[in-house]
Amino acid sequence: VVRHPHSGAVELLSQKVTCSVINGGDGSHEHPTQALLDA
């Protein structure tokens, strides 16, 4: 589970690992679990 100040950093990290990655918020890009909890 990764949070990073730069947009796109979490996706870059996901390309380098074999495990699953969940975006905990990357820069001004996205925060998917926040949107899901709001929904």
PDB file of all heavy atoms in Angstrom:
ATOM      1  N   VAL A   1       0.877  -1.172   0.000  1.00  0.00           N
ATOM      2  CA  VAL A   1       0.000   0.000   0.000  1.00  0.00           C
ATOM      3  C   VAL A   1       0.910   1.216   0.000  1.00  0.00           C
ATOM      4  O   VAL A   1       1.707   1.391   0.919  1.00  0.00           O
ATOM      5  CB  VAL A   1      -0.930   0.016   1.230  1.00  0.00           C
ATOM      6  CG1 VAL A   1      -1.832   1.246   1.192  1.00  0.00           C
ATOM      7  CG2 VAL A   1      -1.764  -1.258   1.289  1.00  0.00           C
ATOM      8  N   VAL A   2       0.793   2.048  -1.032  1.00  0.00           N
ATOM      9  CA  VAL A   2       1.777   3.115  -1.233  1.00  0.00           C
ATOM     10  C   VAL A   2       1.088   4.473  -1.339  1.00  0.00           C
ATOM     11  O   VAL A   2       0.109   4.632  -2.074  1.00  0.00           O
ATOM     12  CB  VAL A   2       2.614   2.877  -2.511  1.00  0.00           C
ATOM     13  CG1 VAL A   2       3.706   3.946  -2.634  1.00  0.00           C
ATOM     14  CG2 VAL A   2       3.222   1.476  -2.497  1.00  0.00           C
ATOM     15  N   ARG A   3       1.609   5.439  -0.604  1.00  0.00           N
ATOM     16  CA  ARG A   3       1.243   6.849  -0.791  1.00  0.00           C
ATOM     17  C   ARG A   3       2.513   7.601  -1.156  1.00  0.00           C
ATOM     18  O   ARG A   3       3.557   7.411  -0.531  1.00  0.00           O
ATOM     19  CB  ARG A   3       0.615   7.438   0.470  1.00  0.00           C
ATOM     20  CG  ARG A   3       0.474   8.962   0.406  1.00  0.00           C
ATOM     21  CD  ARG A   3      -0.347   9.531   1.524  1.00  0.00           C
ATOM     22  NE  ARG A   3      -1.763   9.238   1.331  1.00  0.00           N
ATOM     23  CZ  ARG A   3      -2.722   9.731   2.101  1.00  0.00           C
ATOM     24  NH1 ARG A   3      -2.431  10.539   3.110  1.00  0.00           N
ATOM     25  NH2 ARG A   3      -3.983   9.430   1.866  1.00  0.00           N
ATOM     26  N   HIS A   4       2.400   8.474  -2.167  1.00  0.00           N
ATOM     27  CA  HIS A   4       3.584   9.188  -2.648  1.00  0.00           C
ATOM     28  C   HIS A   4       3.200  10.600  -3.075  1.00  0.00           C
ATOM     29  O   HIS A   4       2.101  10.813  -3.605  1.00  0.00           O
ATOM     30  CB  HIS A   4       4.213   8.435  -3.830  1.00  0.00           C
ATOM     31  CG  HIS A   4       5.636   8.791  -4.087  1.00  0.00           C
ATOM     32  ND1 HIS A   4       6.005   9.920  -4.802  1.00  0.00           N
ATOM     33  CD2 HIS A   4       6.799   8.186  -3.715  1.00  0.00           C
ATOM     34  CE1 HIS A   4       7.321   9.985  -4.860  1.00  0.00           C
ATOM     35  NE2 HIS A   4       7.836   8.949  -4.218  1.00  0.00           N
ATOM     36  N   PRO A   5       4.079  11.580  -2.873  1.00  0.00           N
ATOM     37  CA  PRO A   5       3.738  12.969  -3.225  1.00  0.00           C
ATOM     38  C   PRO A   5       3.712  13.257  -4.716  1.00  0.00           C
ATOM     39  O   PRO A   5       3.210  14.307  -5.126  1.00  0.00           O
ATOM     40  CB  PRO A   5       4.834  13.786  -2.531  1.00  0.00           C
ATOM     41  CG  PRO A   5       5.985  12.848  -2.395  1.00  0.00           C
ATOM     42  CD  PRO A   5       5.374  11.502  -2.166  1.00  0.00           C
ATOM     43  N   HIS A   6       4.227  12.354  -5.556  1.00  0.00           N
ATOM     44  CA  HIS A   6       4.303  12.616  -6.994  1.00  0.00           C
ATOM     45  C   HIS A   6       3.309  11.754  -7.764  1.00  0.00           C
ATOM     46  O   HIS A   6       3.248  10.534  -7.580  1.00  0.00           O
ATOM     47  CB  HIS A   6       5.718  12.370  -7.514  1.00  0.00           C
ATOM     48  CG  HIS A   6       6.761  13.238  -6.881  1.00  0.00           C
ATOM     49  ND1 HIS A   6       6.682  14.617  -6.878  1.00  0.00           N
ATOM     50  CD2 HIS A   6       7.900  12.923  -6.199  1.00  0.00           C
ATOM     51  CE1 HIS A   6       7.736  15.121  -6.239  1.00  0.00           C
ATOM     52  NE2 HIS A   6       8.478  14.115  -5.814  1.00  0.00           N
ATOM     53  N   SER A   7       2.540  12.396  -8.624  1.00  0.00           N
ATOM     54  CA  SER A   7       1.567  11.688  -9.456  1.00  0.00           C
ATOM     55  C   SER A   7       2.285  10.680 -10.355  1.00  0.00           C
ATOM     56  O   SER A   7       3.297  10.990 -10.973  1.00  0.00           O
ATOM     57  CB  SER A   7       0.796  12.688 -10.324  1.00  0.00           C
ATOM     58  OG  SER A   7       0.105  13.627  -9.526  1.00  0.00           O
ATOM     59  N   GLY A   8       1.739   9.469 -10.403  1.00  0.00           N
ATOM     60  CA  GLY A   8       2.306   8.428 -11.251  1.00  0.00           C
ATOM     61  C   GLY A   8       3.347   7.558 -10.586  1.00  0.00           C
ATOM     62  O   GLY A   8       3.725   6.515 -11.133  1.00  0.00           O
ATOM     63  N   ALA A   9       3.818   7.946  -9.406  1.00  0.00           N
ATOM     64  CA  ALA A   9       4.880   7.185  -8.738  1.00  0.00           C
ATOM     65  C   ALA A   9       4.410   5.792  -8.340  1.00  0.00           C
ATOM     66  O   ALA A   9       5.170   4.819  -8.433  1.00  0.00           O
ATOM     67  CB  ALA A   9       5.377   7.945  -7.511  1.00  0.00           C
ATOM     68  N   VAL A  10       3.161   5.681  -7.911  1.00  0.00           N
ATOM     69  CA  VAL A  10       2.650   4.381  -7.467  1.00  0.00           C
ATOM     70  C   VAL A  10       2.526   3.422  -8.649  1.00  0.00           C
ATOM     71  O   VAL A  10       2.847   2.240  -8.551  1.00  0.00           O
ATOM     72  CB  VAL A  10       1.303   4.546  -6.748  1.00  0.00           C
ATOM     73  CG1 VAL A  10       0.766   3.191  -6.314  1.00  0.00           C
ATOM     74  CG2 VAL A  10       1.452   5.462  -5.535  1.00  0.00           C
ATOM     75  N   GLU A  11       2.084   3.940  -9.789  1.00  0.00           N
ATOM     76  CA  GLU A  11       1.995   3.085 -10.978  1.00  0.00           C
ATOM     77  C   GLU A  11       3.380   2.620 -11.414  1.00  0.00           C
ATOM     78  O   GLU A  11       3.561   1.457 -11.807  1.00  0.00           O
ATOM     79  CB  GLU A  11       1.313   3.826 -12.121  1.00  0.00           C
ATOM     80  CG  GLU A  11       1.142   2.964 -13.370  1.00  0.00           C
ATOM     81  CD  GLU A  11       0.348   3.637 -14.466  1.00  0.00           C
ATOM     82  OE1 GLU A  11      -0.038   4.803 -14.292  1.00  0.00           O
ATOM     83  OE2 GLU A  11       0.124   2.989 -15.504  1.00  0.00           O
ATOM     84  N   LEU A  12       4.375   3.507 -11.359  1.00  0.00           N
ATOM     85  CA  LEU A  12       5.746   3.134 -11.697  1.00  0.00           C
ATOM     86  C   LEU A  12       6.232   2.015 -10.782  1.00  0.00           C
ATOM     87  O   LEU A  12       6.814   1.024 -11.246  1.00  0.00           O
ATOM     88  CB  LEU A  12       6.664   4.349 -11.580  1.00  0.00           C
ATOM     89  CG  LEU A  12       8.171   4.085 -11.771  1.00  0.00           C
ATOM     90  CD1 LEU A  12       8.452   3.599 -13.189  1.00  0.00           C
ATOM     91  CD2 LEU A  12       8.977   5.346 -11.463  1.00  0.00           C
ATOM     92  N   LEU A  13       5.970   2.152  -9.491  1.00  0.00           N
ATOM     93  CA  LEU A  13       6.388   1.135  -8.534  1.00  0.00           C
ATOM     94  C   LEU A  13       5.711  -0.206  -8.834  1.00  0.00           C
ATOM     95  O   LEU A  13       6.335  -1.260  -8.741  1.00  0.00           O
ATOM     96  CB  LEU A  13       6.067   1.608  -7.116  1.00  0.00           C
ATOM     97  CG  LEU A  13       6.553   0.757  -5.949  1.00  0.00           C
ATOM     98  CD1 LEU A  13       6.893   1.643  -4.751  1.00  0.00           C
ATOM     99  CD2 LEU A  13       5.515  -0.267  -5.531  1.00  0.00           C
ATOM    100  N   SER A  14       4.437  -0.156  -9.224  1.00  0.00           N
ATOM    101  CA  SER A  14       3.692  -1.394  -9.484  1.00  0.00           C
ATOM    102  C   SER A  14       4.286  -2.187 -10.641  1.00  0.00           C
ATOM    103  O   SER A  14       4.115  -3.409 -10.717  1.00  0.00           O
ATOM    104  CB  SER A  14       2.224  -1.080  -9.770  1.00  0.00           C
ATOM    105  OG  SER A  14       2.054  -0.474 -11.046  1.00  0.00           O
ATOM    106  N   GLN A  15       4.982  -1.504 -11.545  1.00  0.00           N
ATOM    107  CA  GLN A  15       5.589  -2.174 -12.694  1.00  0.00           C
ATOM    108  C   GLN A  15       6.861  -2.931 -12.321  1.00  0.00           C
ATOM    109  O   GLN A  15       7.362  -3.728 -13.128  1.00  0.00           O
ATOM    110  CB  GLN A  15       5.901  -1.144 -13.782  1.00  0.00           C
ATOM    111  CG  GLN A  15       4.670  -0.441 -14.339  1.00  0.00           C
ATOM    112  CD  GLN A  15       5.026   0.752 -15.221  1.00  0.00           C
ATOM    113  OE1 GLN A  15       6.206   0.983 -15.515  1.00  0.00           O
ATOM    114  NE2 GLN A  15       4.031   1.513 -15.635  1.00  0.00           N
ATOM    115  N   LYS A  16       7.379  -2.687 -11.114  1.00  0.00           N
ATOM    116  CA  LYS A  16       8.657  -3.270 -10.705  1.00  0.00           C
ATOM    117  C   LYS A  16       8.509  -4.393  -9.678  1.00  0.00           C
ATOM    118  O   LYS A  16       9.512  -4.927  -9.210  1.00  0.00           O
ATOM    119  CB  LYS A  16       9.558  -2.179 -10.121  1.00  0.00           C
ATOM    120  CG  LYS A  16       9.756  -0.965 -11.026  1.00  0.00           C
ATOM    121  CD  LYS A  16      10.441  -1.338 -12.332  1.00  0.00           C
ATOM    122  CE  LYS A  16      10.613  -0.118 -13.242  1.00  0.00           C
ATOM    123  NZ  LYS A  16      11.270  -0.480 -14.525  1.00  0.00           N
ATOM    124  N   VAL A  17       7.265  -4.721  -9.306  1.00  0.00           N
ATOM    125  CA  VAL A  17       7.051  -5.725  -8.271  1.00  0.00           C
ATOM    126  C   VAL A  17       6.106  -6.808  -8.774  1.00  0.00           C
ATOM    127  O   VAL A  17       5.346  -6.617  -9.722  1.00  0.00           O
ATOM    128  CB  VAL A  17       6.473  -5.090  -6.980  1.00  0.00           C
ATOM    129  CG1 VAL A  17       7.439  -4.084  -6.389  1.00  0.00           C
ATOM    130  CG2 VAL A  17       5.117  -4.432  -7.253  1.00  0.00           C
ATOM    131  N   THR A  18       6.164  -7.965  -8.129  1.00  0.00           N
ATOM    132  CA  THR A  18       5.271  -9.074  -8.492  1.00  0.00           C
ATOM    133  C   THR A  18       4.054  -9.143  -7.588  1.00  0.00           C
ATOM    134  O   THR A  18       3.104  -9.863  -7.899  1.00  0.00           O
ATOM    135  CB  THR A  18       6.032 -10.412  -8.415  1.00  0.00           C
ATOM    136  OG1 THR A  18       6.596 -10.561  -7.099  1.00  0.00           O
ATOM    137  CG2 THR A  18       7.155 -10.455  -9.436  1.00  0.00           C
ATOM    138  N   CYS A  19       4.076  -8.403  -6.482  1.00  0.00           N
ATOM    139  CA  CYS A  19       2.936  -8.414  -5.573  1.00  0.00           C
ATOM    140  C   CYS A  19       1.886  -7.402  -6.027  1.00  0.00           C
ATOM    141  O   CYS A  19       2.100  -6.650  -6.977  1.00  0.00           O
ATOM    142  CB  CYS A  19       3.389  -8.094  -4.146  1.00  0.00           C
ATOM    143  SG  CYS A  19       4.055  -6.424  -3.947  1.00  0.00           S
ATOM    144  N   SER A  20       0.757  -7.397  -5.350  1.00  0.00           N
ATOM    145  CA  SER A  20      -0.294  -6.427  -5.647  1.00  0.00           C
ATOM    146  C   SER A  20       0.046  -5.076  -5.025  1.00  0.00           C
ATOM    147  O   SER A  20       0.710  -5.012  -3.985  1.00  0.00           O
ATOM    148  CB  SER A  20      -1.632  -6.919  -5.095  1.00  0.00           C
ATOM    149  OG  SER A  20      -2.057  -8.090  -5.773  1.00  0.00           O
ATOM    150  N   VAL A  21      -0.399  -4.002  -5.668  1.00  0.00           N
ATOM    151  CA  VAL A  21      -0.157  -2.650  -5.184  1.00  0.00           C
ATOM    152  C   VAL A  21      -1.492  -1.906  -5.101  1.00  0.00           C
ATOM    153  O   VAL A  21      -2.296  -1.955  -6.034  1.00  0.00           O
ATOM    154  CB  VAL A  21       0.812  -1.875  -6.104  1.00  0.00           C
ATOM    155  CG1 VAL A  21       0.968  -0.430  -5.631  1.00  0.00           C
ATOM    156  CG2 VAL A  21       2.167  -2.564  -6.155  1.00  0.00           C
ATOM    157  N   ILE A  22      -1.715  -1.242  -3.985  1.00  0.00           N
ATOM    158  CA  ILE A  22      -2.895  -0.397  -3.819  1.00  0.00           C
ATOM    159  C   ILE A  22      -2.422   1.041  -3.628  1.00  0.00           C
ATOM    160  O   ILE A  22      -1.538   1.307  -2.808  1.00  0.00           O
ATOM    161  CB  ILE A  22      -3.749  -0.835  -2.614  1.00  0.00           C
ATOM    162  CG1 ILE A  22      -4.295  -2.250  -2.838  1.00  0.00           C
ATOM    163  CG2 ILE A  22      -4.915   0.139  -2.395  1.00  0.00           C
ATOM    164  CD1 ILE A  22      -5.106  -2.787  -1.666  1.00  0.00           C
ATOM    165  N   ASN A  23      -3.012   1.932  -4.388  1.00  0.00           N
ATOM    166  CA  ASN A  23      -2.657   3.343  -4.326  1.00  0.00           C
ATOM    167  C   ASN A  23      -3.339   4.008  -3.133  1.00  0.00           C
ATOM    168  O   ASN A  23      -4.564   4.126  -3.094  1.00  0.00           O
ATOM    169  CB  ASN A  23      -3.076   4.027  -5.634  1.00  0.00           C
ATOM    170  CG  ASN A  23      -2.642   5.479  -5.710  1.00  0.00           C
ATOM    171  OD1 ASN A  23      -2.022   6.004  -4.788  1.00  0.00           O
ATOM    172  ND2 ASN A  23      -2.972   6.132  -6.811  1.00  0.00           N
ATOM    173  N   GLY A  24      -2.530   4.464  -2.181  1.00  0.00           N
ATOM    174  CA  GLY A  24      -3.057   5.191  -1.032  1.00  0.00           C
ATOM    175  C   GLY A  24      -3.083   6.690  -1.259  1.00  0.00           C
ATOM    176  O   GLY A  24      -3.300   7.456  -0.320  1.00  0.00           O
ATOM    177  N   GLY A  25      -2.878   7.105  -2.521  1.00  0.00           N
ATOM    178  CA  GLY A  25      -2.873   8.522  -2.882  1.00  0.00           C
ATOM    179  C   GLY A  25      -1.541   8.897  -3.496  1.00  0.00           C
ATOM    180  O   GLY A  25      -0.502   8.738  -2.856  1.00  0.00           O
ATOM    181  N   ASP A  26      -1.569   9.362  -4.761  1.00  0.00           N
ATOM    182  CA  ASP A  26      -0.313   9.770  -5.405  1.00  0.00           C
ATOM    183  C   ASP A  26      -0.445  11.183  -5.946  1.00  0.00           C
ATOM    184  O   ASP A  26      -1.173  11.442  -6.898  1.00  0.00           O
ATOM    185  CB  ASP A  26       0.093   8.789  -6.513  1.00  0.00           C
ATOM    186  CG  ASP A  26      -0.905   8.702  -7.656  1.00  0.00           C
ATOM    187  OD1 ASP A  26      -2.117   8.822  -7.389  1.00  0.00           O
ATOM    188  OD2 ASP A  26      -0.473   8.516  -8.819  1.00  0.00           O
ATOM    189  N   GLY A  27       0.257  12.109  -5.318  1.00  0.00           N
ATOM    190  CA  GLY A  27       0.262  13.496  -5.742  1.00  0.00           C
ATOM    191  C   GLY A  27      -1.134  14.054  -5.897  1.00  0.00           C
ATOM    192  O   GLY A  27      -1.982  13.897  -5.010  1.00  0.00           O
ATOM    193  N   SER A  28      -1.389  14.696  -7.027  1.00  0.00           N
ATOM    194  CA  SER A  28      -2.713  15.236  -7.332  1.00  0.00           C
ATOM    195  C   SER A  28      -3.479  14.329  -8.287  1.00  0.00           C
ATOM    196  O   SER A  28      -4.462  14.746  -8.886  1.00  0.00           O
ATOM    197  CB  SER A  28      -2.573  16.633  -7.962  1.00  0.00           C
ATOM    198  OG  SER A  28      -1.909  17.509  -7.076  1.00  0.00           O
ATOM    199  N   HIS A  29      -3.022  13.087  -8.413  1.00  0.00           N
ATOM    200  CA  HIS A  29      -3.575  12.180  -9.417  1.00  0.00           C
ATOM    201  C   HIS A  29      -4.846  11.482  -8.940  1.00  0.00           C
ATOM    202  O   HIS A  29      -5.952  11.857  -9.323  1.00  0.00           O
ATOM    203  CB  HIS A  29      -2.518  11.152  -9.830  1.00  0.00           C
ATOM    204  CG  HIS A  29      -3.008  10.128 -10.792  1.00  0.00           C
ATOM    205  ND1 HIS A  29      -2.770   8.779 -10.618  1.00  0.00           N
ATOM    206  CD2 HIS A  29      -3.753  10.241 -11.918  1.00  0.00           C
ATOM    207  CE1 HIS A  29      -3.322   8.111 -11.618  1.00  0.00           C
ATOM    208  NE2 HIS A  29      -3.927   8.974 -12.425  1.00  0.00           N
ATOM    209  N   GLU A  30      -4.715  10.469  -8.090  1.00  0.00           N
ATOM    210  CA  GLU A  30      -5.894   9.718  -7.645  1.00  0.00           C
ATOM    211  C   GLU A  30      -5.745   9.232  -6.206  1.00  0.00           C
ATOM    212  O   GLU A  30      -4.628   9.078  -5.690  1.00  0.00           O
ATOM    213  CB  GLU A  30      -6.159   8.516  -8.561  1.00  0.00           C
ATOM    214  CG  GLU A  30      -6.878   8.863  -9.855  1.00  0.00           C
ATOM    215  CD  GLU A  30      -7.941   7.836 -10.223  1.00  0.00           C
ATOM    216  OE1 GLU A  30      -8.728   7.433  -9.343  1.00  0.00           O
ATOM    217  OE2 GLU A  30      -7.970   7.443 -11.407  1.00  0.00           O
ATOM    218  N   HIS A  31      -6.899   8.984  -5.591  1.00  0.00           N
ATOM    219  CA  HIS A  31      -6.987   8.387  -4.255  1.00  0.00           C
ATOM    220  C   HIS A  31      -8.189   7.440  -4.303  1.00  0.00           C
ATOM    221  O   HIS A  31      -9.271   7.754  -3.799  1.00  0.00           O
ATOM    222  CB  HIS A  31      -7.196   9.483  -3.210  1.00  0.00           C
ATOM    223  CG  HIS A  31      -6.978   9.041  -1.800  1.00  0.00           C
ATOM    224  ND1 HIS A  31      -6.857   7.706  -1.432  1.00  0.00           N
ATOM    225  CD2 HIS A  31      -6.876   9.747  -0.640  1.00  0.00           C
ATOM    226  CE1 HIS A  31      -6.682   7.627  -0.122  1.00  0.00           C
ATOM    227  NE2 HIS A  31      -6.686   8.846   0.373  1.00  0.00           N
ATOM    228  N   PRO A  32      -8.008   6.272  -4.923  1.00  0.00           N
ATOM    229  CA  PRO A  32      -9.158   5.402  -5.213  1.00  0.00           C
ATOM    230  C   PRO A  32      -9.950   4.934  -4.006  1.00  0.00           C
ATOM    231  O   PRO A  32     -11.183   4.888  -4.063  1.00  0.00           O
ATOM    232  CB  PRO A  32      -8.522   4.221  -5.960  1.00  0.00           C
ATOM    233  CG  PRO A  32      -7.067   4.269  -5.613  1.00  0.00           C
ATOM    234  CD  PRO A  32      -6.739   5.705  -5.425  1.00  0.00           C
ATOM    235  N   THR A  33      -9.270   4.593  -2.910  1.00  0.00           N
ATOM    236  CA  THR A  33     -10.038   4.081  -1.761  1.00  0.00           C
ATOM    237  C   THR A  33     -10.860   5.178  -1.100  1.00  0.00           C
ATOM    238  O   THR A  33     -11.901   4.898  -0.503  1.00  0.00           O
ATOM    239  CB  THR A  33      -9.115   3.411  -0.728  1.00  0.00           C
ATOM    240  OG1 THR A  33      -8.128   4.341  -0.254  1.00  0.00           O
ATOM    241  CG2 THR A  33      -8.421   2.195  -1.324  1.00  0.00           C
ATOM    242  N   GLN A  34     -10.431   6.438  -1.204  1.00  0.00           N
ATOM    243  CA  GLN A  34     -11.235   7.537  -0.674  1.00  0.00           C
ATOM    244  C   GLN A  34     -12.530   7.669  -1.468  1.00  0.00           C
ATOM    245  O   GLN A  34     -13.611   7.847  -0.902  1.00  0.00           O
ATOM    246  CB  GLN A  34     -10.455   8.845  -0.722  1.00  0.00           C
ATOM    247  CG  GLN A  34     -11.230  10.049  -0.183  1.00  0.00           C
ATOM    248  CD  GLN A  34     -11.481   9.986   1.311  1.00  0.00           C
ATOM    249  OE1 GLN A  34     -10.566   9.693   2.088  1.00  0.00           O
ATOM    250  NE2 GLN A  34     -12.709  10.260   1.733  1.00  0.00           N
ATOM    251  N   ALA A  35     -12.436   7.584  -2.789  1.00  0.00           N
ATOM    252  CA  ALA A  35     -13.638   7.669  -3.619  1.00  0.00           C
ATOM    253  C   ALA A  35     -14.581   6.502  -3.336  1.00  0.00           C
ATOM    254  O   ALA A  35     -15.806   6.679  -3.290  1.00  0.00           O
ATOM    255  CB  ALA A  35     -13.258   7.699  -5.102  1.00  0.00           C
ATOM    256  N   LEU A  36     -14.030   5.320  -3.136  1.00  0.00           N
ATOM    257  CA  LEU A  36     -14.860   4.156  -2.841  1.00  0.00           C
ATOM    258  C   LEU A  36     -15.566   4.306  -1.498  1.00  0.00           C
ATOM    259  O   LEU A  36     -16.754   3.981  -1.363  1.00  0.00           O
ATOM    260  CB  LEU A  36     -14.009   2.881  -2.861  1.00  0.00           C
ATOM    261  CG  LEU A  36     -13.558   2.407  -4.242  1.00  0.00           C
ATOM    262  CD1 LEU A  36     -12.446   1.376  -4.121  1.00  0.00           C
ATOM    263  CD2 LEU A  36     -14.736   1.817  -5.022  1.00  0.00           C
ATOM    264  N   LEU A  37     -14.858   4.808  -0.478  1.00  0.00           N
ATOM    265  CA  LEU A  37     -15.498   4.965   0.826  1.00  0.00           C
ATOM    266  C   LEU A  37     -16.543   6.075   0.779  1.00  0.00           C
ATOM    267  O   LEU A  37     -17.580   5.986   1.463  1.00  0.00           O
ATOM    268  CB  LEU A  37     -14.455   5.199   1.920  1.00  0.00           C
ATOM    269  CG  LEU A  37     -13.741   6.559   2.001  1.00  0.00           C
ATOM    270  CD1 LEU A  37     -14.506   7.551   2.859  1.00  0.00           C
ATOM    271  CD2 LEU A  37     -12.331   6.373   2.586  1.00  0.00           C
ATOM    272  N   ASP A  38     -16.296   7.115  -0.008  1.00  0.00           N
ATOM    273  CA  ASP A  38     -17.304   8.161  -0.173  1.00  0.00           C
ATOM    274  C   ASP A  38     -18.550   7.594  -0.846  1.00  0.00           C
ATOM    275  O   ASP A  38     -19.685   7.880  -0.438  1.00  0.00           O
ATOM    276  CB  ASP A  38     -16.747   9.313  -1.013  1.00  0.00           C
ATOM    277  CG  ASP A  38     -15.686  10.132  -0.279  1.00  0.00           C
ATOM    278  OD1 ASP A  38     -15.635  10.048   0.971  1.00  0.00           O
ATOM    279  OD2 ASP A  38     -14.917  10.843  -0.941  1.00  0.00           O
ATOM    280  N   ALA A  39     -18.339   6.773  -1.878  1.00  0.00           N
ATOM    281  CA  ALA A  39     -19.469   6.159  -2.583  1.00  0.00           C
ATOM    282  C   ALA A  39     -20.257   5.231  -1.666  1.00  0.00           C
ATOM    283  O   ALA A  39     -21.497   5.208  -1.702  1.00  0.00           O
ATOM    284  CB  ALA A  39     -18.960   5.393  -3.801  1.00  0.00           C
TER     285      ALA A  39
END
